[in-house]
């Protein structure tokens, strides 16, 4: 195993462990770097060289063949059981600046994301292809982080960073790469269950409050099926509400694996990848699955990735992205 970690102007020469968590379901990717306490006499000495906001680049691999795993910033420096702990956050760290107050009317999600990306004053790029409309959206006494959290909760979209680019997409549609796994070759451990929803029907009621104070409802799915209610705020456009319901149906109705697999550093995988799962003894379960999250741990005890699988992609869908 091999590694290279740069923090600010310094390249670390000693390491106790590192854990990286990436997820399209969370606003930020995070990393926790633990350094031997003997490397510095105290956290005071650490802060002479490493400060909150110092840029962090983590590369991991084997035999000097390294892959960039994380880019972010030191959010907090602390001690834990004699180790020095650096808690790091991706470019969401830059979004904690205040944003000028503004009231939008009849505004698209893309317009809100553009405003936040510009006004945070940190050279943030953005990609937004989520067609969602708000009747009214108010920004008051908020940071960029506050606004992104609100958008994530209300639109249920995937909002996350890849380096300095803010991504805002319908849930589980953006694909960043592909990887193949075989139970006989490169899956160390699994916590998978195979679910079949062919005979399971859902009715999704998307509800909001209109300008007149009355409830507006859009129903998606099979009327009479298991009912689930989604409450949304500020969104009364029926097409936007319908899309929210359809995406919820897609999340919960598929035949395939649900759970996680443990793998090694190779092959590389990231959140937003498609993973093909093959089982020679049960080939009818084979298929492509969206990778919701990846947790990578690296220490002298070894290197492991925990790959969390999302819904199964049907044939033809994997050709896009």
Protein backbone atom coordinates (compact mmCIF):
# COMPACT_ATOMS: atom_id res chain seq x y z
CA UNK A 1 0.00 0.00 0.00
CA UNK A 2 1.13 3.51 -0.74
CA UNK A 3 -0.10 7.03 0.02
CA UNK A 4 0.60 10.73 -0.41
CA UNK A 5 -1.21 13.38 1.63
CA UNK A 6 -0.58 17.10 1.26
CA UNK A 7 -1.94 19.58 3.79
CA UNK A 8 -1.29 23.21 2.96
CA UNK A 9 2.38 23.53 2.06
CA UNK A 10 3.35 20.28 3.78
CA UNK A 11 3.47 16.66 2.67
CA UNK A 12 2.79 14.32 5.57
CA UNK A 13 5.54 11.81 6.32
CA UNK A 14 3.71 9.81 9.00
CA UNK A 15 0.14 8.54 9.11
CA UNK A 16 -1.96 6.59 11.57
CA UNK A 17 -5.09 6.25 9.41
CA UNK A 18 -7.39 8.03 7.00
CA UNK A 19 -11.11 7.56 6.35
CA UNK A 20 -12.87 9.16 3.38
CA UNK A 21 -16.63 9.24 3.00
CA UNK A 22 -18.23 10.26 -0.30
CA UNK A 23 -21.95 10.32 -0.99
CA UNK A 24 -24.34 11.83 -3.53
CA UNK A 25 -26.95 11.87 -0.75
CA UNK A 26 -24.95 14.31 1.39
CA UNK A 27 -23.91 17.88 0.66
CA UNK A 28 -20.24 17.23 1.37
CA UNK A 29 -17.60 14.55 1.10
CA UNK A 30 -15.46 14.29 4.23
CA UNK A 31 -12.13 12.89 5.31
CA UNK A 32 -10.65 12.22 8.73
CA UNK A 33 -6.85 12.04 8.89
CA UNK A 34 -5.26 10.74 12.07
CA UNK A 35 -1.60 11.49 12.73
CA UNK A 36 0.61 9.92 15.40
CA UNK A 37 0.69 12.17 18.46
CA UNK A 38 4.48 11.93 18.50
CA UNK A 39 4.66 13.72 15.16
CA UNK A 40 4.04 17.00 16.97
CA UNK A 41 4.28 17.70 20.67
CA UNK A 42 0.80 19.19 20.78
CA UNK A 43 -2.00 20.52 18.63
CA UNK A 44 -0.52 23.98 19.22
CA UNK A 45 2.52 22.93 17.18
CA UNK A 46 0.25 21.46 14.53
CA UNK A 47 -1.59 24.74 14.16
CA UNK A 48 1.72 26.52 13.57
CA UNK A 49 1.92 24.59 10.30
CA UNK A 50 -1.63 23.43 9.53
CA UNK A 51 -4.61 25.72 9.94
CA UNK A 52 -8.35 25.60 9.45
CA UNK A 53 -8.86 26.19 5.73
CA UNK A 54 -5.57 24.56 4.67
CA UNK A 55 -6.06 22.71 1.38
CA UNK A 56 -5.93 18.91 1.59
CA UNK A 57 -5.14 16.44 -1.20
CA UNK A 58 -5.26 12.70 -0.43
CA UNK A 59 -3.84 10.11 -2.85
CA UNK A 60 -3.95 6.37 -2.17
CA UNK A 61 -2.88 3.26 -4.04
CA UNK A 62 -0.32 0.50 -4.35
CA UNK A 63 3.40 0.59 -5.25
CA UNK A 64 3.52 4.31 -6.12
CA UNK A 65 0.51 3.94 -8.44
CA UNK A 66 -1.65 6.52 -6.68
CA UNK A 67 -5.16 7.78 -7.35
CA UNK A 68 -6.50 11.10 -6.14
CA UNK A 69 -9.17 10.21 -3.58
CA UNK A 70 -10.06 13.51 -1.92
CA UNK A 71 -9.60 17.25 -2.36
CA UNK A 72 -10.85 19.55 0.36
CA UNK A 73 -9.98 21.76 3.31
CA UNK A 74 -9.15 21.33 6.99
CA UNK A 75 -12.31 22.09 8.94
CA UNK A 76 -11.15 21.19 12.46
CA UNK A 77 -7.99 20.13 14.31
CA UNK A 78 -8.37 18.09 17.51
CA UNK A 79 -6.84 15.24 19.51
CA UNK A 80 -8.24 11.74 19.96
CA UNK A 81 -6.66 8.94 22.03
CA UNK A 82 -3.20 10.42 21.65
CA UNK A 83 -3.59 11.01 17.91
CA UNK A 84 -3.98 14.32 16.12
CA UNK A 85 -7.22 14.35 14.15
CA UNK A 86 -7.74 16.50 11.06
CA UNK A 87 -11.40 16.68 10.05
CA UNK A 88 -11.67 17.76 6.42
CA UNK A 89 -14.52 18.81 4.15
CA UNK A 90 -14.71 19.17 0.38
CA UNK A 91 -15.55 22.46 -1.39
CA UNK A 92 -18.72 22.80 0.69
CA UNK A 93 -16.29 24.36 3.18
CA UNK A 94 -16.16 27.38 0.85
CA UNK A 95 -19.96 27.75 0.91
CA UNK A 96 -20.11 28.86 4.53
CA UNK A 97 -19.82 32.52 3.51
CA UNK A 98 -22.89 34.80 3.87
CA UNK A 99 -25.03 35.41 0.77
CA UNK A 100 -26.78 38.77 0.09
CA UNK A 101 -30.49 38.73 0.91
CA UNK A 102 -32.78 38.30 -2.08
CA UNK A 103 -36.38 37.39 -2.83
CA UNK A 104 -37.06 35.38 -6.00
CA UNK A 105 -40.45 34.88 -7.62
CA UNK A 106 -41.28 32.34 -10.32
CA UNK A 107 -37.68 31.16 -10.29
CA UNK A 108 -35.98 27.99 -11.51
CA UNK A 109 -33.65 25.91 -9.39
CA UNK A 110 -30.84 26.67 -11.86
CA UNK A 111 -31.24 30.42 -11.29
CA UNK A 112 -31.00 29.97 -7.52
CA UNK A 113 -27.90 27.77 -7.83
CA UNK A 114 -26.27 30.31 -10.15
CA UNK A 115 -26.93 33.14 -7.69
CA UNK A 116 -25.45 31.21 -4.78
CA UNK A 117 -22.40 30.09 -6.79
CA UNK A 118 -21.60 33.67 -7.80
CA UNK A 119 -22.38 35.44 -4.53
CA UNK A 120 -20.37 33.10 -2.32
CA UNK A 121 -17.29 34.77 -3.90
CA UNK A 122 -15.16 31.61 -4.04
CA UNK A 123 -14.90 30.87 -7.80
CA UNK A 124 -17.40 28.03 -7.56
CA UNK A 125 -18.53 26.40 -10.80
CA UNK A 126 -21.90 24.70 -11.08
CA UNK A 127 -23.80 22.13 -13.12
CA UNK A 128 -27.57 22.03 -12.66
CA UNK A 129 -29.94 20.10 -14.91
CA UNK A 130 -32.78 19.68 -12.42
CA UNK A 131 -35.93 21.22 -13.90
CA UNK A 132 -37.64 22.47 -10.77
CA UNK A 133 -39.55 25.74 -10.26
CA UNK A 134 -40.34 27.77 -7.14
CA UNK A 135 -43.20 30.25 -6.87
CA UNK A 136 -41.16 32.11 -4.28
CA UNK A 137 -37.73 31.60 -2.75
CA UNK A 138 -36.38 33.91 -0.04
CA UNK A 139 -32.74 34.26 1.01
CA UNK A 140 -32.32 36.10 4.30
CA UNK A 141 -29.43 36.00 6.77
CA UNK A 142 -28.13 32.82 5.10
CA UNK A 143 -24.83 31.30 4.08
CA UNK A 144 -24.34 29.37 0.88
CA UNK A 145 -24.39 26.21 3.00
CA UNK A 146 -27.79 27.14 4.48
CA UNK A 147 -29.29 27.60 1.03
CA UNK A 148 -27.92 24.34 -0.35
CA UNK A 149 -29.27 22.47 2.68
CA UNK A 150 -32.70 24.00 2.12
CA UNK A 151 -32.66 23.11 -1.59
CA UNK A 152 -31.61 19.53 -0.85
CA UNK A 153 -34.39 19.04 1.69
CA UNK A 154 -37.09 20.57 -0.51
CA UNK A 155 -36.19 19.20 -3.95
CA UNK A 156 -34.81 15.82 -2.80
CA UNK A 157 -32.24 16.10 -5.57
CA UNK A 158 -28.59 15.11 -5.41
CA UNK A 159 -26.56 18.18 -4.43
CA UNK A 160 -22.83 17.68 -3.95
CA UNK A 161 -19.37 18.83 -5.03
CA UNK A 162 -16.82 17.28 -7.34
CA UNK A 163 -13.72 19.37 -6.63
CA UNK A 164 -14.91 23.02 -7.03
CA UNK A 165 -17.95 22.21 -9.17
CA UNK A 166 -21.33 22.22 -7.46
CA UNK A 167 -23.56 19.50 -8.93
CA UNK A 168 -27.34 19.69 -8.71
CA UNK A 169 -29.14 16.82 -10.45
CA UNK A 170 -32.26 14.68 -10.26
CA UNK A 171 -31.61 11.82 -7.86
CA UNK A 172 -29.14 9.20 -9.11
CA UNK A 173 -29.00 10.33 -12.74
CA UNK A 174 -25.47 11.77 -13.10
CA UNK A 175 -22.93 9.05 -13.91
CA UNK A 176 -19.19 9.68 -13.38
CA UNK A 177 -17.76 6.28 -14.27
CA UNK A 178 -18.24 2.51 -14.29
CA UNK A 179 -16.70 -0.38 -12.42
CA UNK A 180 -17.22 -4.16 -12.41
CA UNK A 181 -17.30 -6.49 -9.43
CA UNK A 182 -17.37 -10.27 -9.25
CA UNK A 183 -18.12 -12.22 -6.07
CA UNK A 184 -15.41 -14.70 -7.04
CA UNK A 185 -12.71 -12.10 -7.73
CA UNK A 186 -12.85 -8.71 -6.05
CA UNK A 187 -15.63 -8.63 -3.47
CA UNK A 188 -14.17 -9.25 -0.02
CA UNK A 189 -17.44 -9.13 1.91
CA UNK A 190 -21.05 -8.22 1.25
CA UNK A 191 -24.11 -7.11 3.14
CA UNK A 192 -26.55 -7.47 0.26
CA UNK A 193 -30.16 -8.52 0.12
CA UNK A 194 -32.03 -9.17 -3.11
CA UNK A 195 -35.44 -7.56 -3.20
CA UNK A 196 -38.29 -8.15 -5.63
CA UNK A 197 -40.93 -5.44 -5.97
CA UNK A 198 -42.85 -6.83 -8.96
CA UNK A 199 -45.95 -7.35 -6.83
CA UNK A 200 -45.50 -4.26 -4.67
CA UNK A 201 -47.28 -1.08 -5.71
CA UNK A 202 -46.98 2.45 -4.38
CA UNK A 203 -49.06 5.59 -4.48
CA UNK A 204 -47.04 8.75 -3.93
CA UNK A 205 -49.00 11.88 -2.98
CA UNK A 206 -46.91 15.03 -3.42
CA UNK A 207 -48.49 17.84 -1.38
CA UNK A 208 -47.78 21.56 -1.07
CA UNK A 209 -49.61 24.74 -0.08
CA UNK A 210 -50.80 27.02 -2.87
CA UNK A 211 -50.79 30.82 -2.91
CA UNK A 212 -54.40 30.77 -1.65
CA UNK A 213 -53.41 28.69 1.37
CA UNK A 214 -55.12 25.54 0.09
CA UNK A 215 -53.42 22.17 -0.28
CA UNK A 216 -52.25 21.27 -3.78
CA UNK A 217 -51.77 17.55 -4.43
CA UNK A 218 -50.31 15.54 -7.31
CA UNK A 219 -50.60 11.74 -7.23
CA UNK A 220 -48.07 9.46 -8.92
CA UNK A 221 -47.96 5.65 -9.08
CA UNK A 222 -50.69 3.07 -8.54
CA UNK A 223 -53.81 4.41 -6.86
CA UNK A 224 -54.61 2.04 -3.99
CA UNK A 225 -51.00 0.96 -3.54
CA UNK A 226 -48.99 1.55 -0.39
CA UNK A 227 -49.38 5.28 0.18
CA UNK A 228 -46.51 7.65 0.86
CA UNK A 229 -46.89 11.42 1.25
CA UNK A 230 -44.15 13.86 0.24
CA UNK A 231 -44.51 17.38 1.65
CA UNK A 232 -42.86 20.14 -0.38
CA UNK A 233 -42.70 23.90 0.19
CA UNK A 234 -42.70 26.79 -2.28
CA UNK A 235 -43.19 24.45 -5.24
CA UNK A 236 -46.67 24.39 -6.78
CA UNK A 237 -45.71 23.77 -10.40
CA UNK A 238 -47.46 20.45 -11.17
CA UNK A 239 -44.72 19.20 -13.49
CA UNK A 240 -42.14 19.75 -10.75
CA UNK A 241 -44.35 17.99 -8.21
CA UNK A 242 -44.96 15.10 -10.59
CA UNK A 243 -41.25 14.68 -11.13
CA UNK A 244 -40.62 14.50 -7.39
CA UNK A 245 -43.18 11.69 -7.14
CA UNK A 246 -41.77 9.80 -10.12
CA UNK A 247 -38.25 9.94 -8.69
CA UNK A 248 -39.47 8.58 -5.37
CA UNK A 249 -41.12 5.67 -7.20
CA UNK A 250 -37.82 4.96 -8.97
CA UNK A 251 -35.96 4.94 -5.66
CA UNK A 252 -38.13 2.29 -4.02
CA UNK A 253 -39.38 0.04 -6.86
CA UNK A 254 -36.72 -2.07 -8.49
CA UNK A 255 -35.74 -5.73 -8.51
CA UNK A 256 -32.19 -6.10 -7.37
CA UNK A 257 -29.62 -5.90 -4.61
CA UNK A 258 -29.92 -3.56 -1.67
CA UNK A 259 -26.99 -3.03 0.67
CA UNK A 260 -23.20 -2.83 0.39
CA UNK A 261 -20.06 -4.65 -0.69
CA UNK A 262 -16.53 -4.39 0.71
CA UNK A 263 -13.70 -4.20 -1.83
CA UNK A 264 -10.06 -3.17 -2.04
CA UNK A 265 -8.60 0.07 -3.48
CA UNK A 266 -8.50 -1.46 -6.95
CA UNK A 267 -10.63 -1.00 -8.95
CA UNK A 268 -11.23 2.65 -8.12
CA UNK A 269 -14.85 3.62 -7.49
CA UNK A 270 -16.52 6.86 -6.53
CA UNK A 271 -20.01 7.96 -5.53
CA UNK A 272 -21.98 8.54 -8.71
CA UNK A 273 -20.42 5.53 -10.46
CA UNK A 274 -22.32 2.59 -11.88
CA UNK A 275 -21.17 -0.76 -10.47
CA UNK A 276 -21.85 -4.05 -12.27
CA UNK A 277 -22.32 -6.95 -9.85
CA UNK A 278 -21.73 -10.50 -11.13
CA UNK A 279 -22.40 -13.75 -9.28
CA UNK A 280 -21.53 -16.87 -11.27
CA UNK A 281 -23.81 -18.95 -9.04
CA UNK A 282 -26.80 -16.62 -9.42
CA UNK A 283 -26.45 -14.83 -12.75
CA UNK A 284 -30.09 -13.72 -12.95
CA UNK A 285 -29.26 -11.22 -10.20
CA UNK A 286 -26.49 -9.60 -12.25
CA UNK A 287 -26.89 -5.95 -13.15
CA UNK A 288 -25.70 -2.34 -12.97
CA UNK A 289 -26.31 -0.45 -9.74
CA UNK A 290 -25.91 3.20 -8.87
CA UNK A 291 -23.23 3.81 -6.22
CA UNK A 292 -24.77 6.10 -3.61
CA UNK A 293 -21.78 6.24 -1.29
CA UNK A 294 -18.22 5.00 -0.81
CA UNK A 295 -16.32 4.87 2.48
CA UNK A 296 -12.58 4.22 2.11
CA UNK A 297 -10.44 3.35 5.14
CA UNK A 298 -6.65 3.18 4.97
CA UNK A 299 -4.22 2.24 7.75
CA UNK A 300 -1.44 -0.20 8.57
CA UNK A 301 -4.22 -2.79 9.08
CA UNK A 302 -5.13 -2.57 5.38
CA UNK A 303 -7.27 -0.68 2.89
CA UNK A 304 -10.97 -1.33 2.34
CA UNK A 305 -13.77 0.37 0.44
CA UNK A 306 -17.37 -0.01 1.57
CA UNK A 307 -19.51 0.56 -1.53
CA UNK A 308 -23.17 1.37 -0.88
CA UNK A 309 -25.42 0.36 -3.78
CA UNK A 310 -28.52 2.29 -4.81
CA UNK A 311 -31.23 1.36 -7.27
CA UNK A 312 -30.68 -0.94 -10.23
CA UNK A 313 -30.35 0.50 -13.73
CA UNK A 314 -32.31 -1.23 -16.44
CA UNK A 315 -30.79 -2.21 -19.80
CA UNK A 316 -30.19 0.84 -21.97
CA UNK A 317 -29.98 3.32 -19.09
CA UNK A 318 -26.28 2.60 -18.62
CA UNK A 319 -25.50 3.98 -22.06
CA UNK A 320 -26.14 7.52 -20.82
CA UNK A 321 -23.93 9.68 -18.64
